[in-house]
Amino acid sequence: MGKIVFWIVVFFVILLALRFLNVAKSRRSSRDQERRERPKELPPAEPTVRCEACGVYLPKSEAQATATGFRCGDPACPRRH
């Protein structure tokens, strides 16, 4: 009876050790993958402007400059206000 209990304990200790190794390997691979997927440089931030008619903020390069400010260029924009 004592030998059976001993081998059962040995079996579960081996399973526990394999589980710890698998978890460590998984964490290491996910950390490596995260480093590979991270962008090297972020694009420069572009200033935003507010549409004078509807109040939506949009990048300055996409806005249409007018005499009184900027417009978003949406055809429905003047009717929203």
PDB file of N, CA and C in Angstrom:
ATOM      1  N   MET A   1       0.817  -1.192   0.000  1.00  0.00           N
ATOM      2  CA  MET A   1       0.000   0.000   0.000  1.00  0.00           C
ATOM      3  C   MET A   1       0.862   1.257   0.000  1.00  0.00           C
ATOM      4  N   GLY A   2       1.958   1.242   0.728  1.00  0.00           N
ATOM      5  CA  GLY A   2       2.841   2.392   0.820  1.00  0.00           C
ATOM      6  C   GLY A   2       3.487   2.713  -0.517  1.00  0.00           C
ATOM      7  N   LYS A   3       3.802   1.652  -1.295  1.00  0.00           N
ATOM      8  CA  LYS A   3       4.425   1.888  -2.599  1.00  0.00           C
ATOM      9  C   LYS A   3       3.448   2.566  -3.563  1.00  0.00           C
ATOM     10  N   ILE A   4       2.197   2.213  -3.495  1.00  0.00           N
ATOM     11  CA  ILE A   4       1.191   2.806  -4.379  1.00  0.00           C
ATOM     12  C   ILE A   4       1.044   4.299  -4.074  1.00  0.00           C
ATOM     13  N   VAL A   5       0.967   4.647  -2.816  1.00  0.00           N
ATOM     14  CA  VAL A   5       0.852   6.053  -2.413  1.00  0.00           C
ATOM     15  C   VAL A   5       2.096   6.813  -2.857  1.00  0.00           C
ATOM     16  N   PHE A   6       3.271   6.225  -2.691  1.00  0.00           N
ATOM     17  CA  PHE A   6       4.521   6.865  -3.114  1.00  0.00           C
ATOM     18  C   PHE A   6       4.495   7.161  -4.611  1.00  0.00           C
ATOM     19  N   TRP A   7       4.087   6.204  -5.431  1.00  0.00           N
ATOM     20  CA  TRP A   7       4.092   6.411  -6.878  1.00  0.00           C
ATOM     21  C   TRP A   7       3.021   7.407  -7.321  1.00  0.00           C
ATOM     22  N   ILE A   8       1.923   7.426  -6.598  1.00  0.00           N
ATOM     23  CA  ILE A   8       0.889   8.434  -6.898  1.00  0.00           C
ATOM     24  C   ILE A   8       1.420   9.834  -6.607  1.00  0.00           C
ATOM     25  N   VAL A   9       2.095   9.992  -5.482  1.00  0.00           N
ATOM     26  CA  VAL A   9       2.687  11.291  -5.131  1.00  0.00           C
ATOM     27  C   VAL A   9       3.741  11.685  -6.157  1.00  0.00           C
ATOM     28  N   VAL A  10       4.586  10.761  -6.571  1.00  0.00           N
ATOM     29  CA  VAL A  10       5.612  11.038  -7.576  1.00  0.00           C
ATOM     30  C   VAL A  10       4.949  11.466  -8.888  1.00  0.00           C
ATOM     31  N   PHE A  11       3.907  10.783  -9.272  1.00  0.00           N
ATOM     32  CA  PHE A  11       3.187  11.096 -10.498  1.00  0.00           C
ATOM     33  C   PHE A  11       2.652  12.533 -10.468  1.00  0.00           C
ATOM     34  N   PHE A  12       2.025  12.927  -9.367  1.00  0.00           N
ATOM     35  CA  PHE A  12       1.462  14.267  -9.270  1.00  0.00           C
ATOM     36  C   PHE A  12       2.543  15.354  -9.169  1.00  0.00           C
ATOM     37  N   VAL A  13       3.660  15.030  -8.562  1.00  0.00           N
ATOM     38  CA  VAL A  13       4.775  15.984  -8.509  1.00  0.00           C
ATOM     39  C   VAL A  13       5.314  16.224  -9.920  1.00  0.00           C
ATOM     40  N   ILE A  14       5.428  15.166 -10.713  1.00  0.00           N
ATOM     41  CA  ILE A  14       5.889  15.309 -12.096  1.00  0.00           C
ATOM     42  C   ILE A  14       4.884  16.126 -12.908  1.00  0.00           C
ATOM     43  N   LEU A  15       3.595  15.870 -12.745  1.00  0.00           N
ATOM     44  CA  LEU A  15       2.580  16.652 -13.445  1.00  0.00           C
ATOM     45  C   LEU A  15       2.644  18.128 -13.040  1.00  0.00           C
ATOM     46  N   LEU A  16       2.843  18.409 -11.776  1.00  0.00           N
ATOM     47  CA  LEU A  16       2.946  19.783 -11.301  1.00  0.00           C
ATOM     48  C   LEU A  16       4.171  20.472 -11.898  1.00  0.00           C
ATOM     49  N   ALA A  17       5.308  19.776 -11.951  1.00  0.00           N
ATOM     50  CA  ALA A  17       6.522  20.349 -12.530  1.00  0.00           C
ATOM     51  C   ALA A  17       6.319  20.645 -14.022  1.00  0.00           C
ATOM     52  N   LEU A  18       5.679  19.741 -14.742  1.00  0.00           N
ATOM     53  CA  LEU A  18       5.410  19.973 -16.162  1.00  0.00           C
ATOM     54  C   LEU A  18       4.472  21.162 -16.350  1.00  0.00           C
ATOM     55  N   ARG A  19       3.532  21.317 -15.466  1.00  0.00           N
ATOM     56  CA  ARG A  19       2.603  22.455 -15.543  1.00  0.00           C
ATOM     57  C   ARG A  19       3.355  23.770 -15.359  1.00  0.00           C
ATOM     58  N   PHE A  20       4.257  23.832 -14.365  1.00  0.00           N
ATOM     59  CA  PHE A  20       5.043  25.043 -14.140  1.00  0.00           C
ATOM     60  C   PHE A  20       5.916  25.369 -15.342  1.00  0.00           C
ATOM     61  N   LEU A  21       6.517  24.367 -15.950  1.00  0.00           N
ATOM     62  CA  LEU A  21       7.347  24.591 -17.135  1.00  0.00           C
ATOM     63  C   LEU A  21       6.502  25.119 -18.296  1.00  0.00           C
ATOM     64  N   ASN A  22       5.325  24.579 -18.475  1.00  0.00           N
ATOM     65  CA  ASN A  22       4.445  25.010 -19.558  1.00  0.00           C
ATOM     66  C   ASN A  22       3.987  26.457 -19.362  1.00  0.00           C
ATOM     67  N   VAL A  23       3.659  26.833 -18.140  1.00  0.00           N
ATOM     68  CA  VAL A  23       3.231  28.204 -17.855  1.00  0.00           C
ATOM     69  C   VAL A  23       4.382  29.167 -18.115  1.00  0.00           C
ATOM     70  N   ALA A  24       5.583  28.828 -17.689  1.00  0.00           N
ATOM     71  CA  ALA A  24       6.743  29.699 -17.902  1.00  0.00           C
ATOM     72  C   ALA A  24       7.024  29.862 -19.395  1.00  0.00           C
ATOM     73  N   LYS A  25       6.927  28.788 -20.143  1.00  0.00           N
ATOM     74  CA  LYS A  25       7.162  28.855 -21.586  1.00  0.00           C
ATOM     75  C   LYS A  25       6.107  29.717 -22.264  1.00  0.00           C
ATOM     76  N   SER A  26       4.863  29.598 -21.851  1.00  0.00           N
ATOM     77  CA  SER A  26       3.777  30.380 -22.428  1.00  0.00           C
ATOM     78  C   SER A  26       3.970  31.867 -22.153  1.00  0.00           C
ATOM     79  N   ARG A  27       4.350  32.227 -20.935  1.00  0.00           N
ATOM     80  CA  ARG A  27       4.586  33.626 -20.597  1.00  0.00           C
ATOM     81  C   ARG A  27       5.744  34.200 -21.402  1.00  0.00           C
ATOM     82  N   ARG A  28       6.797  33.422 -21.552  1.00  0.00           N
ATOM     83  CA  ARG A  28       7.967  33.877 -22.295  1.00  0.00           C
ATOM     84  C   ARG A  28       7.612  34.102 -23.761  1.00  0.00           C
ATOM     85  N   SER A  29       6.859  33.187 -24.356  1.00  0.00           N
ATOM     86  CA  SER A  29       6.502  33.346 -25.770  1.00  0.00           C
ATOM     87  C   SER A  29       5.540  34.510 -25.977  1.00  0.00           C
ATOM     88  N   SER A  30       4.618  34.736 -25.064  1.00  0.00           N
ATOM     89  CA  SER A  30       3.697  35.864 -25.216  1.00  0.00           C
ATOM     90  C   SER A  30       4.434  37.184 -25.042  1.00  0.00           C
ATOM     91  N   ARG A  31       5.416  37.237 -24.150  1.00  0.00           N
ATOM     92  CA  ARG A  31       6.213  38.443 -23.971  1.00  0.00           C
ATOM     93  C   ARG A  31       7.049  38.736 -25.217  1.00  0.00           C
ATOM     94  N   ASP A  32       7.628  37.696 -25.810  1.00  0.00           N
ATOM     95  CA  ASP A  32       8.407  37.868 -27.039  1.00  0.00           C
ATOM     96  C   ASP A  32       7.521  38.329 -28.195  1.00  0.00           C
ATOM     97  N   GLN A  33       6.338  37.759 -28.302  1.00  0.00           N
ATOM     98  CA  GLN A  33       5.412  38.145 -29.362  1.00  0.00           C
ATOM     99  C   GLN A  33       4.967  39.595 -29.182  1.00  0.00           C
ATOM    100  N   GLU A  34       4.747  40.015 -27.948  1.00  0.00           N
ATOM    101  CA  GLU A  34       4.343  41.385 -27.668  1.00  0.00           C
ATOM    102  C   GLU A  34       5.442  42.365 -28.081  1.00  0.00           C
ATOM    103  N   ARG A  35       6.680  42.005 -27.848  1.00  0.00           N
ATOM    104  CA  ARG A  35       7.795  42.863 -28.245  1.00  0.00           C
ATOM    105  C   ARG A  35       7.889  42.978 -29.757  1.00  0.00           C
ATOM    106  N   ARG A  36       7.627  41.891 -30.468  1.00  0.00           N
ATOM    107  CA  ARG A  36       7.699  41.909 -31.929  1.00  0.00           C
ATOM    108  C   ARG A  36       6.578  42.742 -32.527  1.00  0.00           C
ATOM    109  N   GLU A  37       5.394  42.713 -31.926  1.00  0.00           N
ATOM    110  CA  GLU A  37       4.236  43.407 -32.471  1.00  0.00           C
ATOM    111  C   GLU A  37       4.217  44.888 -32.123  1.00  0.00           C
ATOM    112  N   ARG A  38       4.970  45.296 -31.124  1.00  0.00           N
ATOM    113  CA  ARG A  38       4.980  46.689 -30.708  1.00  0.00           C
ATOM    114  C   ARG A  38       5.612  47.552 -31.794  1.00  0.00           C
ATOM    115  N   PRO A  39       4.963  48.636 -32.169  1.00  0.00           N
ATOM    116  CA  PRO A  39       5.543  49.491 -33.212  1.00  0.00           C
ATOM    117  C   PRO A  39       6.816  50.150 -32.713  1.00  0.00           C
ATOM    118  N   LYS A  40       7.762  50.324 -33.616  1.00  0.00           N
ATOM    119  CA  LYS A  40       9.045  50.919 -33.248  1.00  0.00           C
ATOM    120  C   LYS A  40       8.875  52.403 -32.936  1.00  0.00           C
ATOM    121  N   GLU A  41       8.197  53.130 -33.800  1.00  0.00           N
ATOM    122  CA  GLU A  41       7.977  54.555 -33.591  1.00  0.00           C
ATOM    123  C   GLU A  41       6.515  54.881 -33.849  1.00  0.00           C
ATOM    124  N   LEU A  42       6.009  55.788 -33.065  1.00  0.00           N
ATOM    125  CA  LEU A  42       4.653  56.258 -33.292  1.00  0.00           C
ATOM    126  C   LEU A  42       4.705  57.412 -34.286  1.00  0.00           C
ATOM    127  N   PRO A  43       3.706  57.532 -35.132  1.00  0.00           N
ATOM    128  CA  PRO A  43       3.686  58.656 -36.063  1.00  0.00           C
ATOM    129  C   PRO A  43       3.543  59.960 -35.273  1.00  0.00           C
ATOM    130  N   PRO A  44       4.034  61.056 -35.815  1.00  0.00           N
ATOM    131  CA  PRO A  44       3.921  62.323 -35.091  1.00  0.00           C
ATOM    132  C   PRO A  44       2.460  62.729 -34.917  1.00  0.00           C
ATOM    133  N   ALA A  45       2.187  63.329 -33.789  1.00  0.00           N
ATOM    134  CA  ALA A  45       0.815  63.753 -33.502  1.00  0.00           C
ATOM    135  C   ALA A  45       0.430  64.905 -34.417  1.00  0.00           C
ATOM    136  N   GLU A  46      -0.783  64.846 -34.923  1.00  0.00           N
ATOM    137  CA  GLU A  46      -1.274  65.878 -35.825  1.00  0.00           C
ATOM    138  C   GLU A  46      -2.245  66.766 -35.056  1.00  0.00           C
ATOM    139  N   PRO A  47      -2.146  68.081 -35.203  1.00  0.00           N
ATOM    140  CA  PRO A  47      -3.064  68.958 -34.476  1.00  0.00           C
ATOM    141  C   PRO A  47      -4.498  68.787 -34.975  1.00  0.00           C
ATOM    142  N   THR A  48      -5.428  68.960 -34.056  1.00  0.00           N
ATOM    143  CA  THR A  48      -6.837  68.844 -34.416  1.00  0.00           C
ATOM    144  C   THR A  48      -7.498  70.213 -34.350  1.00  0.00           C
ATOM    145  N   VAL A  49      -8.535  70.366 -35.131  1.00  0.00           N
ATOM    146  CA  VAL A  49      -9.310  71.610 -35.148  1.00  0.00           C
ATOM    147  C   VAL A  49     -10.780  71.253 -34.976  1.00  0.00           C
ATOM    148  N   ARG A  50     -11.552  72.231 -34.583  1.00  0.00           N
ATOM    149  CA  ARG A  50     -12.975  72.013 -34.349  1.00  0.00           C
ATOM    150  C   ARG A  50     -13.790  72.628 -35.486  1.00  0.00           C
ATOM    151  N   CYS A  51     -14.755  71.873 -35.971  1.00  0.00           N
ATOM    152  CA  CYS A  51     -15.645  72.368 -37.017  1.00  0.00           C
ATOM    153  C   CYS A  51     -16.521  73.470 -36.420  1.00  0.00           C
ATOM    154  N   GLU A  52     -16.600  74.594 -37.118  1.00  0.00           N
ATOM    155  CA  GLU A  52     -17.373  75.722 -36.591  1.00  0.00           C
ATOM    156  C   GLU A  52     -18.879  75.469 -36.633  1.00  0.00           C
ATOM    157  N   ALA A  53     -19.333  74.576 -37.485  1.00  0.00           N
ATOM    158  CA  ALA A  53     -20.773  74.339 -37.612  1.00  0.00           C
ATOM    159  C   ALA A  53     -21.280  73.269 -36.651  1.00  0.00           C
ATOM    160  N   CYS A  54     -20.596  72.131 -36.598  1.00  0.00           N
ATOM    161  CA  CYS A  54     -21.135  71.019 -35.798  1.00  0.00           C
ATOM    162  C   CYS A  54     -20.322  70.720 -34.548  1.00  0.00           C
ATOM    163  N   GLY A  55     -19.109  71.256 -34.417  1.00  0.00           N
ATOM    164  CA  GLY A  55     -18.332  71.067 -33.203  1.00  0.00           C
ATOM    165  C   GLY A  55     -17.497  69.806 -33.161  1.00  0.00           C
ATOM    166  N   VAL A  56     -17.417  69.074 -34.245  1.00  0.00           N
ATOM    167  CA  VAL A  56     -16.642  67.841 -34.295  1.00  0.00           C
ATOM    168  C   VAL A  56     -15.163  68.183 -34.420  1.00  0.00           C
ATOM    169  N   TYR A  57     -14.317  67.486 -33.659  1.00  0.00           N
ATOM    170  CA  TYR A  57     -12.873  67.663 -33.779  1.00  0.00           C
ATOM    171  C   TYR A  57     -12.345  66.695 -34.830  1.00  0.00           C
ATOM    172  N   LEU A  58     -11.455  67.186 -35.694  1.00  0.00           N
ATOM    173  CA  LEU A  58     -10.880  66.343 -36.733  1.00  0.00           C
ATOM    174  C   LEU A  58      -9.470  66.834 -37.025  1.00  0.00           C
ATOM    175  N   PRO A  59      -8.639  65.975 -37.636  1.00  0.00           N
ATOM    176  CA  PRO A  59      -7.272  66.381 -37.960  1.00  0.00           C
ATOM    177  C   PRO A  59      -7.278  67.592 -38.896  1.00  0.00           C
ATOM    178  N   LYS A  60      -6.315  68.465 -38.708  1.00  0.00           N
ATOM    179  CA  LYS A  60      -6.258  69.695 -39.495  1.00  0.00           C
ATOM    180  C   LYS A  60      -6.099  69.409 -40.981  1.00  0.00           C
ATOM    181  N   SER A  61      -5.412  68.310 -41.332  1.00  0.00           N
ATOM    182  CA  SER A  61      -5.215  67.983 -42.743  1.00  0.00           C
ATOM    183  C   SER A  61      -6.513  67.576 -43.430  1.00  0.00           C
ATOM    184  N   GLU A  62      -7.504  67.111 -42.682  1.00  0.00           N
ATOM    185  CA  GLU A  62      -8.781  66.702 -43.258  1.00  0.00           C
ATOM    186  C   GLU A  62      -9.824  67.820 -43.227  1.00  0.00           C
ATOM    187  N   ALA A  63      -9.533  68.899 -42.510  1.00  0.00           N
ATOM    188  CA  ALA A  63     -10.494  69.995 -42.382  1.00  0.00           C
ATOM    189  C   ALA A  63     -10.395  70.929 -43.580  1.00  0.00           C
ATOM    190  N   GLN A  64     -11.498  71.605 -43.857  1.00  0.00           N
ATOM    191  CA  GLN A  64     -11.548  72.597 -44.934  1.00  0.00           C
ATOM    192  C   GLN A  64     -11.511  73.982 -44.290  1.00  0.00           C
ATOM    193  N   ALA A  65     -10.511  74.748 -44.640  1.00  0.00           N
ATOM    194  CA  ALA A  65     -10.373  76.089 -44.070  1.00  0.00           C
ATOM    195  C   ALA A  65     -11.371  77.033 -44.726  1.00  0.00           C
ATOM    196  N   THR A  66     -12.026  77.825 -43.898  1.00  0.00           N
ATOM    197  CA  THR A  66     -12.941  78.858 -44.386  1.00  0.00           C
ATOM    198  C   THR A  66     -12.478  80.195 -43.806  1.00  0.00           C
ATOM    199  N   ALA A  67     -13.171  81.282 -44.161  1.00  0.00           N
ATOM    200  CA  ALA A  67     -12.793  82.610 -43.673  1.00  0.00           C
ATOM    201  C   ALA A  67     -12.997  82.740 -42.165  1.00  0.00           C
ATOM    202  N   THR A  68     -13.964  82.013 -41.615  1.00  0.00           N
ATOM    203  CA  THR A  68     -14.271  82.141 -40.180  1.00  0.00           C
ATOM    204  C   THR A  68     -13.708  81.009 -39.345  1.00  0.00           C
ATOM    205  N   GLY A  69     -13.133  80.002 -39.946  1.00  0.00           N
ATOM    206  CA  GLY A  69     -12.593  78.879 -39.185  1.00  0.00           C
ATOM    207  C   GLY A  69     -12.424  77.650 -40.049  1.00  0.00           C
ATOM    208  N   PHE A  70     -12.782  76.509 -39.506  1.00  0.00           N
ATOM    209  CA  PHE A  70     -12.652  75.242 -40.223  1.00  0.00           C
ATOM    210  C   PHE A  70     -14.002  74.547 -40.298  1.00  0.00           C
ATOM    211  N   ARG A  71     -14.175  73.754 -41.343  1.00  0.00           N
ATOM    212  CA  ARG A  71     -15.371  72.927 -41.537  1.00  0.00           C
ATOM    213  C   ARG A  71     -14.922  71.489 -41.704  1.00  0.00           C
ATOM    214  N   CYS A  72     -15.793  70.556 -41.361  1.00  0.00           N
ATOM    215  CA  CYS A  72     -15.427  69.146 -41.452  1.00  0.00           C
ATOM    216  C   CYS A  72     -15.609  68.585 -42.857  1.00  0.00           C
ATOM    217  N   GLY A  73     -16.342  69.234 -43.701  1.00  0.00           N
ATOM    218  CA  GLY A  73     -16.519  68.750 -45.071  1.00  0.00           C
ATOM    219  C   GLY A  73     -17.642  67.763 -45.226  1.00  0.00           C
ATOM    220  N   ASP A  74     -18.361  67.463 -44.174  1.00  0.00           N
ATOM    221  CA  ASP A  74     -19.511  66.566 -44.252  1.00  0.00           C
ATOM    222  C   ASP A  74     -20.663  67.311 -44.915  1.00  0.00           C
ATOM    223  N   PRO A  75     -21.307  66.750 -45.938  1.00  0.00           N
ATOM    224  CA  PRO A  75     -22.408  67.456 -46.618  1.00  0.00           C
ATOM    225  C   PRO A  75     -23.555  67.816 -45.676  1.00  0.00           C
ATOM    226  N   ALA A  76     -23.772  67.037 -44.644  1.00  0.00           N
ATOM    227  CA  ALA A  76     -24.863  67.308 -43.715  1.00  0.00           C
ATOM    228  C   ALA A  76     -24.443  68.267 -42.604  1.00  0.00           C
ATOM    229  N   CYS A  77     -23.226  68.686 -42.578  1.00  0.00           N
ATOM    230  CA  CYS A  77     -22.681  69.502 -41.494  1.00  0.00           C
ATOM    231  C   CYS A  77     -23.444  70.801 -41.277  1.00  0.00           C
ATOM    232  N   PRO A  78     -23.681  71.658 -42.287  1.00  0.00           N
ATOM    233  CA  PRO A  78     -24.376  72.923 -42.025  1.00  0.00           C
ATOM    234  C   PRO A  78     -25.796  72.725 -41.517  1.00  0.00           C
ATOM    235  N   ARG A  79     -26.429  71.614 -41.832  1.00  0.00           N
ATOM    236  CA  ARG A  79     -27.813  71.383 -41.400  1.00  0.00           C
ATOM    237  C   ARG A  79     -27.881  70.876 -39.963  1.00  0.00           C
ATOM    238  N   ARG A  80     -26.766  70.399 -39.400  1.00  0.00           N
ATOM    239  CA  ARG A  80     -26.783  69.882 -38.023  1.00  0.00           C
ATOM    240  C   ARG A  80     -26.966  71.010 -37.017  1.00  0.00           C
ATOM    241  N   HIS A  81     -26.449  72.178 -37.310  1.00  0.00           N
ATOM    242  CA  HIS A  81     -26.430  73.269 -36.352  1.00  0.00           C
ATOM    243  C   HIS A  81     -27.729  73.939 -36.280  1.00  0.00           C
TER     244      HIS A  81
END
